[in-house]
Amino acid sequence: PQELEILLNNSSYIEESFVYLSPAQGD
């Protein structure tokens, strides 16, 4: 998830991000 969070945090709109696998969403 850190890989994706780094890419997301590069945006000027996003302060921080948290990527996770939702049990409700399956994979």
mmCIF file of all heavy atoms, coordinates in Angstrom:
data_MODEL
# 
_entry.id   MODEL 
# 
loop_
_atom_site.group_PDB 
_atom_site.id 
_atom_site.type_symbol 
_atom_site.label_atom_id 
_atom_site.label_alt_id 
_atom_site.label_comp_id 
_atom_site.label_asym_id 
_atom_site.label_entity_id 
_atom_site.label_seq_id 
_atom_site.pdbx_PDB_ins_code 
_atom_site.Cartn_x 
_atom_site.Cartn_y 
_atom_site.Cartn_z 
_atom_site.occupancy 
_atom_site.B_iso_or_equiv 
_atom_site.pdbx_formal_charge 
_atom_site.auth_seq_id 
_atom_site.auth_comp_id 
_atom_site.auth_asym_id 
_atom_site.auth_atom_id 
_atom_site.pdbx_PDB_model_num 
ATOM 1   N N   . PRO A 1 1  ? 0.803   -1.220  0.000  1.00 0.00 ? 1  PRO A N   1 
ATOM 2   C CA  . PRO A 1 1  ? 0.000   0.000   0.000  1.00 0.00 ? 1  PRO A CA  1 
ATOM 3   C C   . PRO A 1 1  ? 0.841   1.278   0.000  1.00 0.00 ? 1  PRO A C   1 
ATOM 4   O O   . PRO A 1 1  ? 0.418   2.294   -0.539 1.00 0.00 ? 1  PRO A O   1 
ATOM 5   C CB  . PRO A 1 1  ? -0.851  -0.107  1.258  1.00 0.00 ? 1  PRO A CB  1 
ATOM 6   C CG  . PRO A 1 1  ? -0.344  -1.244  2.028  1.00 0.00 ? 1  PRO A CG  1 
ATOM 7   C CD  . PRO A 1 1  ? 0.517   -2.065  1.146  1.00 0.00 ? 1  PRO A CD  1 
ATOM 8   N N   . GLN A 1 2  ? 2.043   1.231   0.573  1.00 0.00 ? 2  GLN A N   1 
ATOM 9   C CA  . GLN A 1 2  ? 2.888   2.426   0.613  1.00 0.00 ? 2  GLN A CA  1 
ATOM 10  C C   . GLN A 1 2  ? 3.215   2.928   -0.788 1.00 0.00 ? 2  GLN A C   1 
ATOM 11  O O   . GLN A 1 2  ? 3.309   4.132   -1.010 1.00 0.00 ? 2  GLN A O   1 
ATOM 12  C CB  . GLN A 1 2  ? 4.194   2.162   1.374  1.00 0.00 ? 2  GLN A CB  1 
ATOM 13  C CG  . GLN A 1 2  ? 4.009   1.920   2.850  1.00 0.00 ? 2  GLN A CG  1 
ATOM 14  C CD  . GLN A 1 2  ? 3.771   0.455   3.180  1.00 0.00 ? 2  GLN A CD  1 
ATOM 15  O OE1 . GLN A 1 2  ? 3.528   -0.378  2.303  1.00 0.00 ? 2  GLN A OE1 1 
ATOM 16  N NE2 . GLN A 1 2  ? 3.806   0.134   4.462  1.00 0.00 ? 2  GLN A NE2 1 
ATOM 17  N N   . GLU A 1 3  ? 3.371   2.010   -1.736 1.00 0.00 ? 3  GLU A N   1 
ATOM 18  C CA  . GLU A 1 3  ? 3.640   2.383   -3.135 1.00 0.00 ? 3  GLU A CA  1 
ATOM 19  C C   . GLU A 1 3  ? 2.533   3.294   -3.665 1.00 0.00 ? 3  GLU A C   1 
ATOM 20  O O   . GLU A 1 3  ? 2.790   4.339   -4.250 1.00 0.00 ? 3  GLU A O   1 
ATOM 21  C CB  . GLU A 1 3  ? 3.642   1.125   -4.019 1.00 0.00 ? 3  GLU A CB  1 
ATOM 22  C CG  . GLU A 1 3  ? 4.962   0.519   -4.294 1.00 0.00 ? 3  GLU A CG  1 
ATOM 23  C CD  . GLU A 1 3  ? 4.785   -0.652  -5.261 1.00 0.00 ? 3  GLU A CD  1 
ATOM 24  O OE1 . GLU A 1 3  ? 4.148   -1.661  -4.894 1.00 0.00 ? 3  GLU A OE1 1 
ATOM 25  O OE2 . GLU A 1 3  ? 5.286   -0.521  -6.386 1.00 0.00 ? 3  GLU A OE2 1 
ATOM 26  N N   . LEU A 1 4  ? 1.297   2.868   -3.458 1.00 0.00 ? 4  LEU A N   1 
ATOM 27  C CA  . LEU A 1 4  ? 0.144   3.619   -3.950 1.00 0.00 ? 4  LEU A CA  1 
ATOM 28  C C   . LEU A 1 4  ? -0.049  4.909   -3.164 1.00 0.00 ? 4  LEU A C   1 
ATOM 29  O O   . LEU A 1 4  ? -0.406  5.937   -3.727 1.00 0.00 ? 4  LEU A O   1 
ATOM 30  C CB  . LEU A 1 4  ? -1.113  2.756   -3.879 1.00 0.00 ? 4  LEU A CB  1 
ATOM 31  C CG  . LEU A 1 4  ? -1.041  1.425   -4.635 1.00 0.00 ? 4  LEU A CG  1 
ATOM 32  C CD1 . LEU A 1 4  ? -2.279  0.599   -4.385 1.00 0.00 ? 4  LEU A CD1 1 
ATOM 33  C CD2 . LEU A 1 4  ? -0.836  1.657   -6.101 1.00 0.00 ? 4  LEU A CD2 1 
ATOM 34  N N   . GLU A 1 5  ? 0.208   4.850   -1.861 1.00 0.00 ? 5  GLU A N   1 
ATOM 35  C CA  . GLU A 1 5  ? 0.056   6.042   -1.031 1.00 0.00 ? 5  GLU A CA  1 
ATOM 36  C C   . GLU A 1 5  ? 1.038   7.131   -1.440 1.00 0.00 ? 5  GLU A C   1 
ATOM 37  O O   . GLU A 1 5  ? 0.685   8.308   -1.452 1.00 0.00 ? 5  GLU A O   1 
ATOM 38  C CB  . GLU A 1 5  ? 0.229   5.679   0.448  1.00 0.00 ? 5  GLU A CB  1 
ATOM 39  C CG  . GLU A 1 5  ? -0.924  4.864   0.981  1.00 0.00 ? 5  GLU A CG  1 
ATOM 40  C CD  . GLU A 1 5  ? -0.654  4.181   2.300  1.00 0.00 ? 5  GLU A CD  1 
ATOM 41  O OE1 . GLU A 1 5  ? 0.472   4.337   2.850  1.00 0.00 ? 5  GLU A OE1 1 
ATOM 42  O OE2 . GLU A 1 5  ? -1.550  3.480   2.791  1.00 0.00 ? 5  GLU A OE2 1 
ATOM 43  N N   . ILE A 1 6  ? 2.242   6.761   -1.810 1.00 0.00 ? 6  ILE A N   1 
ATOM 44  C CA  . ILE A 1 6  ? 3.228   7.744   -2.273 1.00 0.00 ? 6  ILE A CA  1 
ATOM 45  C C   . ILE A 1 6  ? 2.731   8.421   -3.540 1.00 0.00 ? 6  ILE A C   1 
ATOM 46  O O   . ILE A 1 6  ? 2.814   9.640   -3.675 1.00 0.00 ? 6  ILE A O   1 
ATOM 47  C CB  . ILE A 1 6  ? 4.602   7.071   -2.492 1.00 0.00 ? 6  ILE A CB  1 
ATOM 48  C CG1 . ILE A 1 6  ? 5.223   6.711   -1.148 1.00 0.00 ? 6  ILE A CG1 1 
ATOM 49  C CG2 . ILE A 1 6  ? 5.544   7.971   -3.288 1.00 0.00 ? 6  ILE A CG2 1 
ATOM 50  C CD1 . ILE A 1 6  ? 6.439   5.800   -1.234 1.00 0.00 ? 6  ILE A CD1 1 
ATOM 51  N N   . LEU A 1 7  ? 2.205   7.637   -4.474 1.00 0.00 ? 7  LEU A N   1 
ATOM 52  C CA  . LEU A 1 7  ? 1.672   8.218   -5.711 1.00 0.00 ? 7  LEU A CA  1 
ATOM 53  C C   . LEU A 1 7  ? 0.494   9.151   -5.429 1.00 0.00 ? 7  LEU A C   1 
ATOM 54  O O   . LEU A 1 7  ? 0.393   10.231  -6.018 1.00 0.00 ? 7  LEU A O   1 
ATOM 55  C CB  . LEU A 1 7  ? 1.237   7.105   -6.675 1.00 0.00 ? 7  LEU A CB  1 
ATOM 56  C CG  . LEU A 1 7  ? 2.352   6.253   -7.269 1.00 0.00 ? 7  LEU A CG  1 
ATOM 57  C CD1 . LEU A 1 7  ? 1.767   5.079   -8.048 1.00 0.00 ? 7  LEU A CD1 1 
ATOM 58  C CD2 . LEU A 1 7  ? 3.245   7.083   -8.155 1.00 0.00 ? 7  LEU A CD2 1 
ATOM 59  N N   . LEU A 1 8  ? -0.390  8.752   -4.530 1.00 0.00 ? 8  LEU A N   1 
ATOM 60  C CA  . LEU A 1 8  ? -1.542  9.586   -4.192 1.00 0.00 ? 8  LEU A CA  1 
ATOM 61  C C   . LEU A 1 8  ? -1.112  10.865  -3.486 1.00 0.00 ? 8  LEU A C   1 
ATOM 62  O O   . LEU A 1 8  ? -1.637  11.949  -3.761 1.00 0.00 ? 8  LEU A O   1 
ATOM 63  C CB  . LEU A 1 8  ? -2.522  8.806   -3.309 1.00 0.00 ? 8  LEU A CB  1 
ATOM 64  C CG  . LEU A 1 8  ? -3.310  7.699   -3.986 1.00 0.00 ? 8  LEU A CG  1 
ATOM 65  C CD1 . LEU A 1 8  ? -3.983  6.814   -2.951 1.00 0.00 ? 8  LEU A CD1 1 
ATOM 66  C CD2 . LEU A 1 8  ? -4.337  8.278   -4.936 1.00 0.00 ? 8  LEU A CD2 1 
ATOM 67  N N   . ASN A 1 9  ? -0.145  10.757  -2.591 1.00 0.00 ? 9  ASN A N   1 
ATOM 68  C CA  . ASN A 1 9  ? 0.295   11.917  -1.814 1.00 0.00 ? 9  ASN A CA  1 
ATOM 69  C C   . ASN A 1 9  ? 1.052   12.936  -2.661 1.00 0.00 ? 9  ASN A C   1 
ATOM 70  O O   . ASN A 1 9  ? 1.272   14.058  -2.216 1.00 0.00 ? 9  ASN A O   1 
ATOM 71  C CB  . ASN A 1 9  ? 1.145   11.477  -0.623 1.00 0.00 ? 9  ASN A CB  1 
ATOM 72  C CG  . ASN A 1 9  ? 0.332   10.728  0.412  1.00 0.00 ? 9  ASN A CG  1 
ATOM 73  O OD1 . ASN A 1 9  ? -0.881  10.795  0.435  1.00 0.00 ? 9  ASN A OD1 1 
ATOM 74  N ND2 . ASN A 1 9  ? 1.016   9.992   1.265  1.00 0.00 ? 9  ASN A ND2 1 
ATOM 75  N N   . ASN A 1 10 ? 1.452   12.571  -3.868 1.00 0.00 ? 10 ASN A N   1 
ATOM 76  C CA  . ASN A 1 10 ? 2.111   13.522  -4.766 1.00 0.00 ? 10 ASN A CA  1 
ATOM 77  C C   . ASN A 1 10 ? 1.146   14.591  -5.260 1.00 0.00 ? 10 ASN A C   1 
ATOM 78  O O   . ASN A 1 10 ? 1.577   15.629  -5.757 1.00 0.00 ? 10 ASN A O   1 
ATOM 79  C CB  . ASN A 1 10 ? 2.741   12.804  -5.966 1.00 0.00 ? 10 ASN A CB  1 
ATOM 80  C CG  . ASN A 1 10 ? 4.001   12.070  -5.579 1.00 0.00 ? 10 ASN A CG  1 
ATOM 81  O OD1 . ASN A 1 10 ? 4.655   12.400  -4.598 1.00 0.00 ? 10 ASN A OD1 1 
ATOM 82  N ND2 . ASN A 1 10 ? 4.353   11.059  -6.346 1.00 0.00 ? 10 ASN A ND2 1 
ATOM 83  N N   . SER A 1 11 ? -0.139  14.350  -5.146 1.00 0.00 ? 11 SER A N   1 
ATOM 84  C CA  . SER A 1 11 ? -1.151  15.310  -5.584 1.00 0.00 ? 11 SER A CA  1 
ATOM 85  C C   . SER A 1 11 ? -1.199  16.494  -4.621 1.00 0.00 ? 11 SER A C   1 
ATOM 86  O O   . SER A 1 11 ? -1.110  16.319  -3.399 1.00 0.00 ? 11 SER A O   1 
ATOM 87  C CB  . SER A 1 11 ? -2.526  14.640  -5.632 1.00 0.00 ? 11 SER A CB  1 
ATOM 88  O OG  . SER A 1 11 ? -3.531  15.610  -5.797 1.00 0.00 ? 11 SER A OG  1 
ATOM 89  N N   . SER A 1 12 ? -1.358  17.675  -5.160 1.00 0.00 ? 12 SER A N   1 
ATOM 90  C CA  . SER A 1 12 ? -1.443  18.879  -4.320 1.00 0.00 ? 12 SER A CA  1 
ATOM 91  C C   . SER A 1 12 ? -2.770  18.939  -3.560 1.00 0.00 ? 12 SER A C   1 
ATOM 92  O O   . SER A 1 12 ? -2.899  19.687  -2.597 1.00 0.00 ? 12 SER A O   1 
ATOM 93  C CB  . SER A 1 12 ? -1.276  20.128  -5.179 1.00 0.00 ? 12 SER A CB  1 
ATOM 94  O OG  . SER A 1 12 ? -2.297  20.191  -6.147 1.00 0.00 ? 12 SER A OG  1 
ATOM 95  N N   . TYR A 1 13 ? -3.758  18.159  -3.966 1.00 0.00 ? 13 TYR A N   1 
ATOM 96  C CA  . TYR A 1 13 ? -5.063  18.155  -3.315 1.00 0.00 ? 13 TYR A CA  1 
ATOM 97  C C   . TYR A 1 13 ? -5.105  17.240  -2.087 1.00 0.00 ? 13 TYR A C   1 
ATOM 98  O O   . TYR A 1 13 ? -5.945  17.403  -1.229 1.00 0.00 ? 13 TYR A O   1 
ATOM 99  C CB  . TYR A 1 13 ? -6.154  17.681  -4.286 1.00 0.00 ? 13 TYR A CB  1 
ATOM 100 C CG  . TYR A 1 13 ? -6.306  18.544  -5.498 1.00 0.00 ? 13 TYR A CG  1 
ATOM 101 C CD1 . TYR A 1 13 ? -6.009  18.055  -6.763 1.00 0.00 ? 13 TYR A CD1 1 
ATOM 102 C CD2 . TYR A 1 13 ? -6.752  19.853  -5.401 1.00 0.00 ? 13 TYR A CD2 1 
ATOM 103 C CE1 . TYR A 1 13 ? -6.163  18.842  -7.885 1.00 0.00 ? 13 TYR A CE1 1 
ATOM 104 C CE2 . TYR A 1 13 ? -6.906  20.653  -6.511 1.00 0.00 ? 13 TYR A CE2 1 
ATOM 105 C CZ  . TYR A 1 13 ? -6.608  20.148  -7.755 1.00 0.00 ? 13 TYR A CZ  1 
ATOM 106 O OH  . TYR A 1 13 ? -6.752  20.925  -8.858 1.00 0.00 ? 13 TYR A OH  1 
ATOM 107 N N   . ILE A 1 14 ? -4.214  16.265  -2.035 1.00 0.00 ? 14 ILE A N   1 
ATOM 108 C CA  . ILE A 1 14 ? -4.266  15.225  -1.011 1.00 0.00 ? 14 ILE A CA  1 
ATOM 109 C C   . ILE A 1 14 ? -3.157  15.445  0.018  1.00 0.00 ? 14 ILE A C   1 
ATOM 110 O O   . ILE A 1 14 ? -1.991  15.531  -0.334 1.00 0.00 ? 14 ILE A O   1 
ATOM 111 C CB  . ILE A 1 14 ? -4.131  13.831  -1.644 1.00 0.00 ? 14 ILE A CB  1 
ATOM 112 C CG1 . ILE A 1 14 ? -5.266  13.603  -2.637 1.00 0.00 ? 14 ILE A CG1 1 
ATOM 113 C CG2 . ILE A 1 14 ? -4.107  12.744  -0.581 1.00 0.00 ? 14 ILE A CG2 1 
ATOM 114 C CD1 . ILE A 1 14 ? -5.094  12.381  -3.511 1.00 0.00 ? 14 ILE A CD1 1 
ATOM 115 N N   . GLU A 1 15 ? -3.540  15.527  1.302  1.00 0.00 ? 15 GLU A N   1 
ATOM 116 C CA  . GLU A 1 15 ? -2.556  15.678  2.365  1.00 0.00 ? 15 GLU A CA  1 
ATOM 117 C C   . GLU A 1 15 ? -1.958  14.325  2.745  1.00 0.00 ? 15 GLU A C   1 
ATOM 118 O O   . GLU A 1 15 ? -0.757  14.199  2.879  1.00 0.00 ? 15 GLU A O   1 
ATOM 119 C CB  . GLU A 1 15 ? -3.188  16.325  3.592  1.00 0.00 ? 15 GLU A CB  1 
ATOM 120 C CG  . GLU A 1 15 ? -3.357  17.807  3.436  1.00 0.00 ? 15 GLU A CG  1 
ATOM 121 C CD  . GLU A 1 15 ? -3.646  18.487  4.754  1.00 0.00 ? 15 GLU A CD  1 
ATOM 122 O OE1 . GLU A 1 15 ? -3.673  17.834  5.818  1.00 0.00 ? 15 GLU A OE1 1 
ATOM 123 O OE2 . GLU A 1 15 ? -3.850  19.702  4.704  1.00 0.00 ? 15 GLU A OE2 1 
ATOM 124 N N   . GLU A 1 16 ? -2.822  13.341  2.957  1.00 0.00 ? 16 GLU A N   1 
ATOM 125 C CA  . GLU A 1 16 ? -2.360  11.984  3.254  1.00 0.00 ? 16 GLU A CA  1 
ATOM 126 C C   . GLU A 1 16 ? -3.390  10.986  2.764  1.00 0.00 ? 16 GLU A C   1 
ATOM 127 O O   . GLU A 1 16 ? -4.546  11.320  2.547  1.00 0.00 ? 16 GLU A O   1 
ATOM 128 C CB  . GLU A 1 16 ? -2.041  11.784  4.742  1.00 0.00 ? 16 GLU A CB  1 
ATOM 129 C CG  . GLU A 1 16 ? -2.979  12.394  5.701  1.00 0.00 ? 16 GLU A CG  1 
ATOM 130 C CD  . GLU A 1 16 ? -2.541  12.246  7.156  1.00 0.00 ? 16 GLU A CD  1 
ATOM 131 O OE1 . GLU A 1 16 ? -1.473  11.700  7.457  1.00 0.00 ? 16 GLU A OE1 1 
ATOM 132 O OE2 . GLU A 1 16 ? -3.322  12.680  8.004  1.00 0.00 ? 16 GLU A OE2 1 
ATOM 133 N N   . SER A 1 17 ? -2.922  9.759   2.587  1.00 0.00 ? 17 SER A N   1 
ATOM 134 C CA  . SER A 1 17 ? -3.811  8.718   2.073  1.00 0.00 ? 17 SER A CA  1 
ATOM 135 C C   . SER A 1 17 ? -3.541  7.411   2.794  1.00 0.00 ? 17 SER A C   1 
ATOM 136 O O   . SER A 1 17 ? -2.462  7.202   3.356  1.00 0.00 ? 17 SER A O   1 
ATOM 137 C CB  . SER A 1 17 ? -3.598  8.542   0.574  1.00 0.00 ? 17 SER A CB  1 
ATOM 138 O OG  . SER A 1 17 ? -2.268  8.181   0.313  1.00 0.00 ? 17 SER A OG  1 
ATOM 139 N N   . PHE A 1 18 ? -4.545  6.548   2.746  1.00 0.00 ? 18 PHE A N   1 
ATOM 140 C CA  . PHE A 1 18 ? -4.470  5.240   3.383  1.00 0.00 ? 18 PHE A CA  1 
ATOM 141 C C   . PHE A 1 18 ? -5.119  4.234   2.433  1.00 0.00 ? 18 PHE A C   1 
ATOM 142 O O   . PHE A 1 18 ? -6.301  4.348   2.115  1.00 0.00 ? 18 PHE A O   1 
ATOM 143 C CB  . PHE A 1 18 ? -5.198  5.283   4.728  1.00 0.00 ? 18 PHE A CB  1 
ATOM 144 C CG  . PHE A 1 18 ? -5.362  3.947   5.386  1.00 0.00 ? 18 PHE A CG  1 
ATOM 145 C CD1 . PHE A 1 18 ? -4.266  3.230   5.813  1.00 0.00 ? 18 PHE A CD1 1 
ATOM 146 C CD2 . PHE A 1 18 ? -6.614  3.403   5.584  1.00 0.00 ? 18 PHE A CD2 1 
ATOM 147 C CE1 . PHE A 1 18 ? -4.414  1.999   6.420  1.00 0.00 ? 18 PHE A CE1 1 
ATOM 148 C CE2 . PHE A 1 18 ? -6.781  2.182   6.190  1.00 0.00 ? 18 PHE A CE2 1 
ATOM 149 C CZ  . PHE A 1 18 ? -5.669  1.483   6.615  1.00 0.00 ? 18 PHE A CZ  1 
ATOM 150 N N   . VAL A 1 19 ? -4.349  3.274   1.942  1.00 0.00 ? 19 VAL A N   1 
ATOM 151 C CA  . VAL A 1 19 ? -4.852  2.259   1.007  1.00 0.00 ? 19 VAL A CA  1 
ATOM 152 C C   . VAL A 1 19 ? -5.050  0.962   1.784  1.00 0.00 ? 19 VAL A C   1 
ATOM 153 O O   . VAL A 1 19 ? -4.174  0.542   2.542  1.00 0.00 ? 19 VAL A O   1 
ATOM 154 C CB  . VAL A 1 19 ? -3.869  2.057   -0.167 1.00 0.00 ? 19 VAL A CB  1 
ATOM 155 C CG1 . VAL A 1 19 ? -4.326  0.936   -1.070 1.00 0.00 ? 19 VAL A CG1 1 
ATOM 156 C CG2 . VAL A 1 19 ? -3.714  3.354   -0.955 1.00 0.00 ? 19 VAL A CG2 1 
ATOM 157 N N   . TYR A 1 20 ? -6.198  0.333   1.569  1.00 0.00 ? 20 TYR A N   1 
ATOM 158 C CA  . TYR A 1 20 ? -6.524  -0.897  2.289  1.00 0.00 ? 20 TYR A CA  1 
ATOM 159 C C   . TYR A 1 20 ? -7.410  -1.785  1.429  1.00 0.00 ? 20 TYR A C   1 
ATOM 160 O O   . TYR A 1 20 ? -7.971  -1.349  0.422  1.00 0.00 ? 20 TYR A O   1 
ATOM 161 C CB  . TYR A 1 20 ? -7.229  -0.573  3.613  1.00 0.00 ? 20 TYR A CB  1 
ATOM 162 C CG  . TYR A 1 20 ? -8.533  0.159   3.453  1.00 0.00 ? 20 TYR A CG  1 
ATOM 163 C CD1 . TYR A 1 20 ? -9.742  -0.517  3.498  1.00 0.00 ? 20 TYR A CD1 1 
ATOM 164 C CD2 . TYR A 1 20 ? -8.570  1.534   3.246  1.00 0.00 ? 20 TYR A CD2 1 
ATOM 165 C CE1 . TYR A 1 20 ? -10.946 0.141   3.332  1.00 0.00 ? 20 TYR A CE1 1 
ATOM 166 C CE2 . TYR A 1 20 ? -9.768  2.211   3.090  1.00 0.00 ? 20 TYR A CE2 1 
ATOM 167 C CZ  . TYR A 1 20 ? -10.944 1.512   3.137  1.00 0.00 ? 20 TYR A CZ  1 
ATOM 168 O OH  . TYR A 1 20 ? -12.136 2.168   2.977  1.00 0.00 ? 20 TYR A OH  1 
ATOM 169 N N   . LEU A 1 21 ? -7.515  -3.037  1.829  1.00 0.00 ? 21 LEU A N   1 
ATOM 170 C CA  . LEU A 1 21 ? -8.385  -3.999  1.156  1.00 0.00 ? 21 LEU A CA  1 
ATOM 171 C C   . LEU A 1 21 ? -9.666  -4.109  1.977  1.00 0.00 ? 21 LEU A C   1 
ATOM 172 O O   . LEU A 1 21 ? -9.629  -4.491  3.133  1.00 0.00 ? 21 LEU A O   1 
ATOM 173 C CB  . LEU A 1 21 ? -7.685  -5.357  1.064  1.00 0.00 ? 21 LEU A CB  1 
ATOM 174 C CG  . LEU A 1 21 ? -8.340  -6.419  0.207  1.00 0.00 ? 21 LEU A CG  1 
ATOM 175 C CD1 . LEU A 1 21 ? -8.303  -5.997  -1.257 1.00 0.00 ? 21 LEU A CD1 1 
ATOM 176 C CD2 . LEU A 1 21 ? -7.616  -7.737  0.361  1.00 0.00 ? 21 LEU A CD2 1 
ATOM 177 N N   . SER A 1 22 ? -10.778 -3.741  1.365  1.00 0.00 ? 22 SER A N   1 
ATOM 178 C CA  . SER A 1 22 ? -12.048 -3.746  2.083  1.00 0.00 ? 22 SER A CA  1 
ATOM 179 C C   . SER A 1 22 ? -12.637 -5.146  2.121  1.00 0.00 ? 22 SER A C   1 
ATOM 180 O O   . SER A 1 22 ? -12.786 -5.774  1.084  1.00 0.00 ? 22 SER A O   1 
ATOM 181 C CB  . SER A 1 22 ? -13.018 -2.794  1.399  1.00 0.00 ? 22 SER A CB  1 
ATOM 182 O OG  . SER A 1 22 ? -14.293 -2.910  1.968  1.00 0.00 ? 22 SER A OG  1 
ATOM 183 N N   . PRO A 1 23 ? -12.983 -5.634  3.304  1.00 0.00 ? 23 PRO A N   1 
ATOM 184 C CA  . PRO A 1 23 ? -13.613 -6.952  3.384  1.00 0.00 ? 23 PRO A CA  1 
ATOM 185 C C   . PRO A 1 23 ? -14.956 -6.983  2.650  1.00 0.00 ? 23 PRO A C   1 
ATOM 186 O O   . PRO A 1 23 ? -15.337 -7.995  2.092  1.00 0.00 ? 23 PRO A O   1 
ATOM 187 C CB  . PRO A 1 23 ? -13.819 -7.180  4.876  1.00 0.00 ? 23 PRO A CB  1 
ATOM 188 C CG  . PRO A 1 23 ? -13.178 -6.065  5.587  1.00 0.00 ? 23 PRO A CG  1 
ATOM 189 C CD  . PRO A 1 23 ? -12.802 -5.018  4.605  1.00 0.00 ? 23 PRO A CD  1 
ATOM 190 N N   . ALA A 1 24 ? -15.650 -5.867  2.623  1.00 0.00 ? 24 ALA A N   1 
ATOM 191 C CA  . ALA A 1 24 ? -16.955 -5.801  1.960  1.00 0.00 ? 24 ALA A CA  1 
ATOM 192 C C   . ALA A 1 24 ? -16.817 -5.791  0.438  1.00 0.00 ? 24 ALA A C   1 
ATOM 193 O O   . ALA A 1 24 ? -17.706 -6.232  -0.272 1.00 0.00 ? 24 ALA A O   1 
ATOM 194 C CB  . ALA A 1 24 ? -17.702 -4.553  2.410  1.00 0.00 ? 24 ALA A CB  1 
ATOM 195 N N   . GLN A 1 25 ? -15.684 -5.305  -0.066 1.00 0.00 ? 25 GLN A N   1 
ATOM 196 C CA  . GLN A 1 25 ? -15.475 -5.184  -1.513 1.00 0.00 ? 25 GLN A CA  1 
ATOM 197 C C   . GLN A 1 25 ? -14.784 -6.401  -2.125 1.00 0.00 ? 25 GLN A C   1 
ATOM 198 O O   . GLN A 1 25 ? -14.524 -6.425  -3.314 1.00 0.00 ? 25 GLN A O   1 
ATOM 199 C CB  . GLN A 1 25 ? -14.643 -3.928  -1.817 1.00 0.00 ? 25 GLN A CB  1 
ATOM 200 C CG  . GLN A 1 25 ? -15.318 -2.625  -1.462 1.00 0.00 ? 25 GLN A CG  1 
ATOM 201 C CD  . GLN A 1 25 ? -16.495 -2.345  -2.348 1.00 0.00 ? 25 GLN A CD  1 
ATOM 202 O OE1 . GLN A 1 25 ? -16.505 -2.668  -3.522 1.00 0.00 ? 25 GLN A OE1 1 
ATOM 203 N NE2 . GLN A 1 25 ? -17.528 -1.752  -1.767 1.00 0.00 ? 25 GLN A NE2 1 
ATOM 204 N N   . GLY A 1 26 ? -14.426 -7.382  -1.318 1.00 0.00 ? 26 GLY A N   1 
ATOM 205 C CA  . GLY A 1 26 ? -13.741 -8.563  -1.860 1.00 0.00 ? 26 GLY A CA  1 
ATOM 206 C C   . GLY A 1 26 ? -12.287 -8.252  -2.159 1.00 0.00 ? 26 GLY A C   1 
ATOM 207 O O   . GLY A 1 26 ? -11.560 -7.833  -1.283 1.00 0.00 ? 26 GLY A O   1 
ATOM 208 N N   . ASP A 1 27 ? -11.883 -8.441  -3.387 1.00 0.00 ? 27 ASP A N   1 
ATOM 209 C CA  . ASP A 1 27 ? -10.487 -8.223  -3.781 1.00 0.00 ? 27 ASP A CA  1 
ATOM 210 C C   . ASP A 1 27 ? -10.257 -6.832  -4.360 1.00 0.00 ? 27 ASP A C   1 
ATOM 211 O O   . ASP A 1 27 ? -9.418  -6.663  -5.223 1.00 0.00 ? 27 ASP A O   1 
ATOM 212 C CB  . ASP A 1 27 ? -10.079 -9.277  -4.821 1.00 0.00 ? 27 ASP A CB  1 
ATOM 213 C CG  . ASP A 1 27 ? -9.129  -10.302 -4.226 1.00 0.00 ? 27 ASP A CG  1 
ATOM 214 O OD1 . ASP A 1 27 ? -8.835  -10.214 -3.020 1.00 0.00 ? 27 ASP A OD1 1 
ATOM 215 O OD2 . ASP A 1 27 ? -8.672  -11.175 -4.976 1.00 0.00 ? 27 ASP A OD2 1 
# 
